[in-house]
């Protein structure tokens, strides 16, 4: 098997591990709460602790890879992930479970940005749409199957097996990585660690994660706004200090690149907004339209089918048309689907079409963004660009849920007639938010992008 495919398989397995641990645990919350005597807030931190560890370690990944080499860091992160999973599955209390989930997140947070940078270096721009199709396929299949697998494990065994379920896959990934990842020929170059920058970034991102959770809960807005202010101050201080440093922990100057900036904005406002809409729609369909849980959940089937269609379209059309047309089509499709919800569509076949539109539009944008993000990034800057990309990806989901939850709380969402109006107003706003990146997308110069995608003779033969 060629080295490129070996690296791709290791990265996709690591990506699948991350997604499994983000989506599989939620079905076990009731049993965890009963067995460990955990409150609702504590149960929320079973997921939040994983996300916090995952997000906080991403900025450090660039320095670690430079200091110790990508192979060592990836093997160490997989070992850390394995230890966290084993300890979480045997945790005797909710406090230790939360702590071990944070440890798991620290391991998982190193897998994705370093693995992504390693793999993308082995794919020339003209072949990255194919790589993106594989990545998005994993991103589609794993979240769809993980809750169902988790439910089977909870019913047949116990909630602990939900946390232990990733151990065999993590061990396989570790063994393949040890066998396949190339040893660095040159000694790793330990650059100076931007300690003050790392502290400011960690403080800012921690405060932002807390703010997102609190702003989505009624009665917690004052502390959410306070956390948001702390996050803004810390991140502004970091941005001001980073401008004068040769090796900042996060290279914000890369955001001057039009493609990376546009791709990150699209991910923030399209998949991110959909996460919030999905939560609000689940409540709206059951509380207002009185659809049962099974019929509501079944609406994700047309969403998944349309998503698969969009991923295939990206693979075939990206190199031919570039990202601008695909971005605009995707934003228009998702916005139209959300707008139909806002207009009060209630027939089940029409709701299936709504979810199809949202799935097609959201996945077309996310797969195009993944394909476009690193096209004009130099190979030496791929680690830094991957770190920025993955931080944005993590925050986009939480931000969308927090923003729409806050909107619903402000508008008074509920099961009454007033509640229906609140949901619909929320959907109108979400439809508009989906179109926010359009101005940045319209500035993409398609001929320049197509020139980057034009393969060299050696690439055509690879």
Protein backbone atom coordinates (compact mmCIF):
# COMPACT_ATOMS: atom_id res chain seq x y z
CA UNK A 1 0.00 0.00 0.00
CA UNK A 2 1.43 3.46 -0.90
CA UNK A 3 2.56 5.62 2.01
CA UNK A 4 -0.06 8.25 1.18
CA UNK A 5 -2.91 5.76 1.62
CA UNK A 6 -1.41 4.43 4.85
CA UNK A 7 -1.24 7.93 6.31
CA UNK A 8 -4.78 8.63 5.11
CA UNK A 9 -6.12 5.48 6.79
CA UNK A 10 -4.42 6.33 10.10
CA UNK A 11 -5.81 9.88 9.97
CA UNK A 12 -9.34 8.73 9.12
CA UNK A 13 -9.28 6.19 11.96
CA UNK A 14 -8.16 8.94 14.36
CA UNK A 15 -10.88 11.24 13.05
CA UNK A 16 -13.46 8.48 13.54
CA UNK A 17 -12.26 7.98 17.13
CA UNK A 18 -12.77 11.66 17.84
CA UNK A 19 -16.28 11.66 16.35
CA UNK A 20 -17.31 8.46 18.14
CA UNK A 21 -16.40 9.95 21.50
CA UNK A 22 -18.24 13.17 20.74
CA UNK A 23 -21.52 11.49 19.75
CA UNK A 24 -21.77 8.08 21.44
CA UNK A 25 -21.87 9.13 25.09
CA UNK A 26 -25.08 11.20 25.09
CA UNK A 27 -27.33 8.11 24.96
CA UNK A 28 -25.74 6.88 28.19
CA UNK A 29 -26.43 10.02 30.25
CA UNK A 30 -29.55 8.70 32.01
CA UNK A 31 -27.78 5.53 33.15
CA UNK A 32 -24.65 7.43 34.17
CA UNK A 33 -26.77 9.84 36.20
CA UNK A 34 -28.62 7.02 37.95
CA UNK A 35 -25.52 4.91 38.63
CA UNK A 36 -23.20 7.71 39.79
CA UNK A 37 -25.81 10.02 41.31
CA UNK A 38 -24.93 12.82 38.89
CA UNK A 39 -26.89 16.02 38.38
CA UNK A 40 -27.89 17.34 34.95
CA UNK A 41 -25.09 19.90 35.09
CA UNK A 42 -22.53 17.23 35.93
CA UNK A 43 -23.77 15.05 33.08
CA UNK A 44 -23.34 17.94 30.66
CA UNK A 45 -19.71 18.14 31.74
CA UNK A 46 -19.13 14.52 30.70
CA UNK A 47 -19.33 15.86 27.15
CA UNK A 48 -18.01 19.36 27.87
CA UNK A 49 -14.85 18.05 29.56
CA UNK A 50 -13.96 16.05 26.45
CA UNK A 51 -14.57 19.11 24.26
CA UNK A 52 -12.55 21.33 26.61
CA UNK A 53 -9.53 19.01 26.60
CA UNK A 54 -9.85 18.59 22.84
CA UNK A 55 -9.94 22.32 22.16
CA UNK A 56 -7.32 23.48 24.64
CA UNK A 57 -4.57 21.15 23.42
CA UNK A 58 -4.91 22.08 19.72
CA UNK A 59 -2.79 25.29 20.00
CA UNK A 60 -0.03 23.30 21.73
CA UNK A 61 -0.02 20.68 18.95
CA UNK A 62 2.06 22.85 16.60
CA UNK A 63 4.86 23.33 19.13
CA UNK A 64 4.79 19.68 20.21
CA UNK A 65 5.08 18.47 16.61
CA UNK A 66 8.00 20.83 16.03
CA UNK A 67 9.74 19.85 19.26
CA UNK A 68 9.24 16.08 19.22
CA UNK A 69 8.18 15.20 15.67
CA UNK A 70 4.79 14.27 14.28
CA UNK A 71 5.24 10.51 14.70
CA UNK A 72 6.09 10.71 18.41
CA UNK A 73 3.27 13.14 19.14
CA UNK A 74 0.67 11.07 17.29
CA UNK A 75 1.74 7.85 19.01
CA UNK A 76 1.73 9.61 22.39
CA UNK A 77 -1.69 11.12 21.76
CA UNK A 78 -3.14 7.71 20.86
CA UNK A 79 -1.65 6.21 24.03
CA UNK A 80 -3.12 9.08 26.07
CA UNK A 81 -6.48 8.58 24.40
CA UNK A 82 -6.40 4.84 25.19
CA UNK A 83 -5.57 5.53 28.84
CA UNK A 84 -8.35 8.11 29.11
CA UNK A 85 -10.93 5.75 27.59
CA UNK A 86 -9.97 2.88 29.89
CA UNK A 87 -10.02 5.09 32.99
CA UNK A 88 -13.32 6.75 32.01
CA UNK A 89 -14.98 3.36 31.50
CA UNK A 90 -14.00 2.27 35.00
CA UNK A 91 -14.53 5.62 36.79
CA UNK A 92 -16.01 5.17 40.30
CA UNK A 93 -17.57 8.65 40.52
CA UNK A 94 -18.90 11.41 38.30
CA UNK A 95 -15.96 13.66 39.26
CA UNK A 96 -13.37 11.13 38.14
CA UNK A 97 -15.37 10.38 35.00
CA UNK A 98 -15.28 14.08 34.05
CA UNK A 99 -11.53 14.21 34.74
CA UNK A 100 -10.79 11.15 32.58
CA UNK A 101 -12.97 12.49 29.77
CA UNK A 102 -10.84 15.64 29.80
CA UNK A 103 -7.74 13.41 29.53
CA UNK A 104 -9.33 11.65 26.55
CA UNK A 105 -9.92 15.03 24.95
CA UNK A 106 -6.29 16.00 25.41
CA UNK A 107 -5.28 12.87 23.47
CA UNK A 108 -7.93 13.31 20.80
CA UNK A 109 -7.12 16.99 20.33
CA UNK A 110 -3.61 16.15 19.15
CA UNK A 111 -4.74 13.49 16.68
CA UNK A 112 -6.74 15.66 14.31
CA UNK A 113 -4.66 18.79 13.52
CA UNK A 114 -1.30 16.98 13.32
CA UNK A 115 -2.74 14.04 11.36
CA UNK A 116 -4.56 16.40 9.02
CA UNK A 117 -1.42 18.44 8.30
CA UNK A 118 0.60 15.26 7.70
CA UNK A 119 -1.93 13.84 5.25
CA UNK A 120 -2.57 17.06 3.32
CA UNK A 121 1.15 17.40 2.60
CA UNK A 122 0.93 14.16 0.61
CA UNK A 123 -1.99 15.31 -1.58
CA UNK A 124 -1.41 17.98 -4.22
CA UNK A 125 -4.21 20.57 -4.52
CA UNK A 126 -5.75 18.88 -7.56
CA UNK A 127 -6.34 15.68 -5.54
CA UNK A 128 -7.61 17.15 -2.27
CA UNK A 129 -11.29 17.03 -3.27
CA UNK A 130 -10.99 13.22 -3.30
CA UNK A 131 -9.41 13.28 0.18
CA UNK A 132 -12.18 15.58 1.37
CA UNK A 133 -14.82 13.14 0.13
CA UNK A 134 -13.31 10.43 2.34
CA UNK A 135 -13.11 12.79 5.34
CA UNK A 136 -16.68 13.96 4.91
CA UNK A 137 -17.85 10.37 4.45
CA UNK A 138 -16.45 9.53 7.89
CA UNK A 139 -17.98 12.76 9.27
CA UNK A 140 -21.37 11.67 7.93
CA UNK A 141 -21.39 7.97 8.81
CA UNK A 142 -19.86 8.00 12.31
CA UNK A 143 -22.23 10.54 13.92
CA UNK A 144 -25.18 8.73 12.34
CA UNK A 145 -24.20 5.30 13.67
CA UNK A 146 -22.58 6.16 17.03
CA UNK A 147 -25.78 6.90 19.02
CA UNK A 148 -27.41 3.71 17.76
CA UNK A 149 -24.36 1.65 18.73
CA UNK A 150 -24.26 3.39 22.10
CA UNK A 151 -27.91 2.57 22.72
CA UNK A 152 -27.33 -1.13 21.98
CA UNK A 153 -24.37 -1.22 24.37
CA UNK A 154 -26.28 0.53 27.15
CA UNK A 155 -29.27 -1.81 26.81
CA UNK A 156 -27.26 -5.02 26.43
CA UNK A 157 -24.37 -4.31 28.81
CA UNK A 158 -23.97 -1.01 30.68
CA UNK A 159 -23.06 2.64 30.16
CA UNK A 160 -19.42 1.79 30.88
CA UNK A 161 -19.15 -0.15 27.62
CA UNK A 162 -20.12 2.98 25.71
CA UNK A 163 -16.92 4.58 26.98
CA UNK A 164 -14.86 1.42 26.49
CA UNK A 165 -16.18 0.80 22.96
CA UNK A 166 -13.46 2.90 21.33
CA UNK A 167 -10.60 0.92 22.91
CA UNK A 168 -10.26 -1.73 20.13
CA UNK A 169 -10.32 0.90 17.38
CA UNK A 170 -7.86 3.11 19.27
CA UNK A 171 -5.50 0.16 19.78
CA UNK A 172 -5.71 -0.75 16.08
CA UNK A 173 -4.98 2.86 15.13
CA UNK A 174 -1.99 2.94 17.49
CA UNK A 175 -0.55 -0.27 16.03
CA UNK A 176 -1.01 0.92 12.44
CA UNK A 177 0.50 4.30 13.27
CA UNK A 178 3.52 2.64 14.89
CA UNK A 179 4.00 0.44 11.83
CA UNK A 180 3.28 2.98 9.09
CA UNK A 181 4.16 6.50 10.19
CA UNK A 182 7.58 7.41 8.82
CA UNK A 183 10.36 8.21 11.23
CA UNK A 184 11.59 11.76 10.84
CA UNK A 185 14.96 11.84 9.08
CA UNK A 186 15.99 15.16 10.56
CA UNK A 187 16.03 15.85 14.27
CA UNK A 188 12.96 17.65 15.48
CA UNK A 189 13.50 21.38 15.95
CA UNK A 190 12.30 22.49 19.39
CA UNK A 191 11.28 26.10 18.83
CA UNK A 192 10.67 28.50 21.68
CA UNK A 193 7.30 27.89 23.32
CA UNK A 194 5.12 30.98 23.40
CA UNK A 195 4.17 30.49 27.05
CA UNK A 196 2.34 33.77 27.59
CA UNK A 197 0.45 33.30 24.34
CA UNK A 198 -0.51 29.76 25.29
CA UNK A 199 -1.87 30.97 28.65
CA UNK A 200 -3.93 33.73 26.99
CA UNK A 201 -5.29 31.36 24.32
CA UNK A 202 -6.16 28.71 26.93
CA UNK A 203 -7.88 31.31 29.14
CA UNK A 204 -9.76 32.80 26.19
CA UNK A 205 -10.96 29.48 24.79
CA UNK A 206 -11.92 28.11 28.22
CA UNK A 207 -13.93 31.26 28.98
CA UNK A 208 -15.55 31.10 25.54
CA UNK A 209 -16.57 27.45 26.02
CA UNK A 210 -18.11 28.32 29.40
CA UNK A 211 -19.84 31.35 27.90
CA UNK A 212 -21.38 29.26 25.13
CA UNK A 213 -22.87 26.86 27.67
CA UNK A 214 -24.17 29.54 30.03
CA UNK A 215 -25.59 31.81 27.33
CA UNK A 216 -27.74 28.92 26.11
CA UNK A 217 -29.34 28.46 29.56
CA UNK A 218 -32.05 30.67 30.98
CA UNK A 219 -30.92 32.34 34.22
CA UNK A 220 -27.20 31.99 33.48
CA UNK A 221 -26.84 34.93 31.09
CA UNK A 222 -25.00 37.26 33.54
CA UNK A 223 -22.22 34.75 34.12
CA UNK A 224 -22.26 33.88 30.41
CA UNK A 225 -21.77 37.53 29.46
CA UNK A 226 -19.01 37.86 32.07
CA UNK A 227 -17.24 34.78 30.65
CA UNK A 228 -17.68 36.18 27.13
CA UNK A 229 -16.04 39.44 28.24
CA UNK A 230 -13.10 37.52 29.76
CA UNK A 231 -12.75 35.52 26.53
CA UNK A 232 -12.80 38.66 24.39
CA UNK A 233 -10.18 40.41 26.54
CA UNK A 234 -7.86 37.38 26.67
CA UNK A 235 -8.07 36.68 22.93
CA UNK A 236 -7.65 40.37 22.05
CA UNK A 237 -4.57 40.51 24.28
CA UNK A 238 -3.22 37.42 22.53
CA UNK A 239 -3.85 38.87 19.05
CA UNK A 240 -2.09 42.10 19.99
CA UNK A 241 0.93 40.26 21.44
CA UNK A 242 1.16 37.65 18.68
CA UNK A 243 1.67 40.28 16.00
CA UNK A 244 5.21 40.95 17.23
CA UNK A 245 6.32 37.33 17.80
CA UNK A 246 8.29 35.18 15.37
CA UNK A 247 6.64 31.92 16.52
CA UNK A 248 3.28 32.59 18.18
CA UNK A 249 1.31 29.63 19.49
CA UNK A 250 -1.37 30.36 16.86
CA UNK A 251 -0.38 32.07 13.61
CA UNK A 252 -3.30 34.47 13.14
CA UNK A 253 -1.56 36.05 10.16
CA UNK A 254 -2.67 33.00 8.14
CA UNK A 255 -6.21 34.38 8.30
CA UNK A 256 -5.13 36.98 5.77
CA UNK A 257 -5.31 34.16 3.23
CA UNK A 258 -8.63 34.60 1.48
CA UNK A 259 -9.45 30.90 1.07
CA UNK A 260 -8.71 29.86 4.66
CA UNK A 261 -10.62 32.85 6.06
CA UNK A 262 -13.64 32.26 3.80
CA UNK A 263 -13.67 28.52 4.53
CA UNK A 264 -13.60 29.14 8.29
CA UNK A 265 -16.42 31.70 8.06
CA UNK A 266 -18.51 29.29 6.02
CA UNK A 267 -17.97 26.50 8.54
CA UNK A 268 -18.91 28.84 11.39
CA UNK A 269 -22.14 30.09 9.81
CA UNK A 270 -23.38 27.07 7.84
CA UNK A 271 -22.66 23.76 9.68
CA UNK A 272 -22.47 25.77 12.91
CA UNK A 273 -25.88 27.39 12.44
CA UNK A 274 -27.36 24.04 11.40
CA UNK A 275 -26.36 22.51 14.74
CA UNK A 276 -28.41 25.18 16.49
CA UNK A 277 -31.29 24.82 14.04
CA UNK A 278 -31.28 21.05 14.48
CA UNK A 279 -31.70 21.37 18.26
CA UNK A 280 -34.43 24.00 17.92
CA UNK A 281 -36.19 22.03 15.18
CA UNK A 282 -36.29 18.86 17.29
CA UNK A 283 -38.11 20.81 20.00
CA UNK A 284 -40.35 22.61 17.51
CA UNK A 285 -41.39 19.46 15.66
CA UNK A 286 -42.26 17.59 18.86
CA UNK A 287 -43.61 20.39 21.08
CA UNK A 288 -45.46 22.45 18.47
CA UNK A 289 -46.18 20.16 15.51
CA UNK A 290 -46.65 17.16 17.84
CA UNK A 291 -44.56 14.76 15.78
CA UNK A 292 -43.39 11.73 17.72
CA UNK A 293 -39.74 11.19 18.51
CA UNK A 294 -39.44 8.40 15.94
CA UNK A 295 -40.89 10.45 13.07
CA UNK A 296 -38.80 13.44 14.07
CA UNK A 297 -35.62 11.38 14.18
CA UNK A 298 -36.44 9.79 10.82
CA UNK A 299 -36.14 13.20 9.18
CA UNK A 300 -32.36 12.80 9.47
CA UNK A 301 -32.57 10.10 6.77
CA UNK A 302 -33.26 12.54 3.89
CA UNK A 303 -30.68 14.84 5.49
CA UNK A 304 -28.06 12.07 5.32
CA UNK A 305 -28.95 11.07 1.75
CA UNK A 306 -28.78 14.68 0.56
CA UNK A 307 -25.50 15.11 2.42
CA UNK A 308 -24.01 12.14 0.58
CA UNK A 309 -25.15 13.67 -2.73
CA UNK A 310 -23.46 16.97 -1.82
CA UNK A 311 -20.19 15.24 -0.91
CA UNK A 312 -20.19 13.50 -4.30
CA UNK A 313 -20.93 16.79 -6.07
CA UNK A 314 -17.99 18.45 -4.30
CA UNK A 315 -15.66 15.68 -5.38
CA UNK A 316 -16.74 15.96 -9.01
CA UNK A 317 -17.26 19.71 -9.26
CA UNK A 318 -14.63 21.34 -7.06
CA UNK A 319 -11.70 21.10 -9.49
CA UNK A 320 -13.92 22.15 -12.39
CA UNK A 321 -15.74 25.13 -10.90
CA UNK A 322 -13.79 26.11 -7.79
CA UNK A 323 -15.30 26.82 -4.36
CA UNK A 324 -17.26 30.03 -4.98
CA UNK A 325 -20.19 28.53 -6.91
CA UNK A 326 -20.43 25.53 -4.57
CA UNK A 327 -20.37 27.76 -1.46
CA UNK A 328 -23.13 30.02 -2.81
CA UNK A 329 -25.29 27.08 -3.87
CA UNK A 330 -24.84 25.40 -0.48
CA UNK A 331 -25.64 28.52 1.52
CA UNK A 332 -28.72 29.18 -0.61
CA UNK A 333 -29.96 25.59 -0.17
CA UNK A 334 -29.56 25.53 3.63
CA UNK A 335 -31.03 29.01 4.01
CA UNK A 336 -34.03 27.98 1.88
CA UNK A 337 -34.63 24.89 4.01
CA UNK A 338 -34.51 26.89 7.25
CA UNK A 339 -36.75 29.55 5.70
CA UNK A 340 -39.39 26.90 4.93
CA UNK A 341 -39.36 25.94 8.63
CA UNK A 342 -39.80 29.61 9.50
CA UNK A 343 -42.78 29.82 7.15
CA UNK A 344 -44.55 27.05 9.07
CA UNK A 345 -44.25 24.06 6.75
CA UNK A 346 -45.94 21.17 8.57
CA UNK A 347 -46.67 18.34 6.09
CA UNK A 348 -44.32 15.44 6.66
CA UNK A 349 -43.29 15.10 3.00
CA UNK A 350 -42.52 18.81 2.94
CA UNK A 351 -40.47 18.47 6.13
CA UNK A 352 -38.49 15.69 4.46
CA UNK A 353 -37.72 18.11 1.62
CA UNK A 354 -36.72 20.76 4.19
CA UNK A 355 -34.23 18.40 5.81
CA UNK A 356 -32.98 17.34 2.39
CA UNK A 357 -32.28 20.97 1.51
CA UNK A 358 -30.48 21.57 4.80
CA UNK A 359 -28.44 18.39 4.43
CA UNK A 360 -27.48 19.17 0.84
CA UNK A 361 -26.59 22.79 1.57
CA UNK A 362 -24.73 22.20 4.81
CA UNK A 363 -22.67 19.30 3.52
CA UNK A 364 -21.92 21.03 0.22
CA UNK A 365 -20.52 23.97 2.19
CA UNK A 366 -18.59 21.90 4.72
CA UNK A 367 -17.03 19.59 2.12
CA UNK A 368 -16.14 22.54 -0.11
CA UNK A 369 -14.65 24.40 2.86
CA UNK A 370 -12.54 21.36 3.76
CA UNK A 371 -11.30 21.16 0.16
CA UNK A 372 -10.55 24.88 -0.16
CA UNK A 373 -9.11 25.78 3.25
CA UNK A 374 -5.46 24.83 2.64
CA UNK A 375 -5.14 25.34 -1.12
CA UNK A 376 -2.99 28.47 -0.85
CA UNK A 377 -1.24 27.53 2.43
CA UNK A 378 2.48 26.79 2.18
CA UNK A 379 3.52 23.28 3.22
CA UNK A 380 5.59 24.69 6.10
CA UNK A 381 2.49 26.43 7.49
CA UNK A 382 0.09 23.48 7.26
CA UNK A 383 0.35 22.62 10.98
CA UNK A 384 -0.56 26.17 12.00
CA UNK A 385 -3.37 26.37 9.46
CA UNK A 386 -4.71 22.99 10.60
CA UNK A 387 -4.70 24.16 14.22
CA UNK A 388 -6.73 27.28 13.34
CA UNK A 389 -9.10 25.23 11.20
CA UNK A 390 -9.80 22.65 13.90
CA UNK A 391 -10.31 25.22 16.66
CA UNK A 392 -12.83 26.96 14.44
CA UNK A 393 -14.51 23.62 13.64
CA UNK A 394 -14.93 22.78 17.33
CA UNK A 395 -16.27 26.19 18.27
CA UNK A 396 -18.66 26.43 15.31
CA UNK A 397 -20.90 23.67 16.68
CA UNK A 398 -21.05 25.06 20.20
CA UNK A 399 -21.56 28.61 18.99
CA UNK A 400 -24.52 27.68 16.79
CA UNK A 401 -26.27 25.77 19.59
CA UNK A 402 -25.61 28.55 22.13
CA UNK A 403 -26.76 31.32 19.80
CA UNK A 404 -30.07 29.68 18.87
CA UNK A 405 -30.73 28.50 22.42
CA UNK A 406 -30.25 32.08 23.63
CA UNK A 407 -32.54 33.37 20.90
CA UNK A 408 -35.25 30.90 21.89
CA UNK A 409 -34.94 31.90 25.53
CA UNK A 410 -35.19 35.59 24.64
CA UNK A 411 -38.16 35.00 22.35
CA UNK A 412 -39.92 32.73 24.86
CA UNK A 413 -39.93 29.40 22.98
CA UNK A 414 -42.40 26.81 24.24
CA UNK A 415 -45.28 24.60 23.18
CA UNK A 416 -47.94 27.32 23.02
CA UNK A 417 -48.97 29.44 20.06
CA UNK A 418 -46.52 32.10 21.25
CA UNK A 419 -43.90 29.37 21.33
CA UNK A 420 -44.57 28.52 17.68
CA UNK A 421 -44.02 32.15 16.74
CA UNK A 422 -40.80 32.20 18.78
CA UNK A 423 -39.45 29.15 16.95
CA UNK A 424 -40.36 30.60 13.58
CA UNK A 425 -38.72 33.94 14.39
CA UNK A 426 -35.63 32.03 15.47
CA UNK A 427 -35.60 30.15 12.15
CA UNK A 428 -35.93 33.42 10.17
CA UNK A 429 -32.83 34.76 11.94
CA UNK A 430 -30.95 31.48 11.37
CA UNK A 431 -31.79 31.58 7.64
CA UNK A 432 -30.21 35.03 7.49
CA UNK A 433 -27.14 34.00 9.51
CA UNK A 434 -26.48 31.19 7.02
CA UNK A 435 -25.89 33.82 4.32
CA UNK A 436 -23.44 35.94 6.35
CA UNK A 437 -20.27 34.47 4.71
CA UNK A 438 -21.53 35.39 1.21
CA UNK A 439 -19.57 38.66 1.11
CA UNK A 440 -16.30 36.87 1.86
CA UNK A 441 -17.13 34.10 -0.61
CA UNK A 442 -17.88 36.57 -3.41
CA UNK A 443 -14.34 37.95 -3.05
CA UNK A 444 -12.81 34.59 -4.00
CA UNK A 445 -11.11 34.92 -7.39
CA UNK A 446 -12.08 31.75 -9.23
CA UNK A 447 -9.38 31.86 -11.97
CA UNK A 448 -6.68 32.06 -9.28
CA UNK A 449 -8.15 29.08 -7.46
CA UNK A 450 -8.47 27.03 -10.65
CA UNK A 451 -4.81 27.75 -11.39
CA UNK A 452 -3.90 26.26 -8.00
CA UNK A 453 -6.00 23.20 -8.83
CA UNK A 454 -4.39 22.64 -12.23
CA UNK A 455 -2.27 19.49 -11.76
CA UNK A 456 1.33 19.29 -12.89
CA UNK A 457 2.34 16.44 -15.22
CA UNK A 458 3.80 14.50 -12.27
CA UNK A 459 0.55 14.89 -10.32
CA UNK A 460 -1.48 13.61 -13.25
CA UNK A 461 0.58 10.42 -13.27
CA UNK A 462 0.36 9.86 -9.47
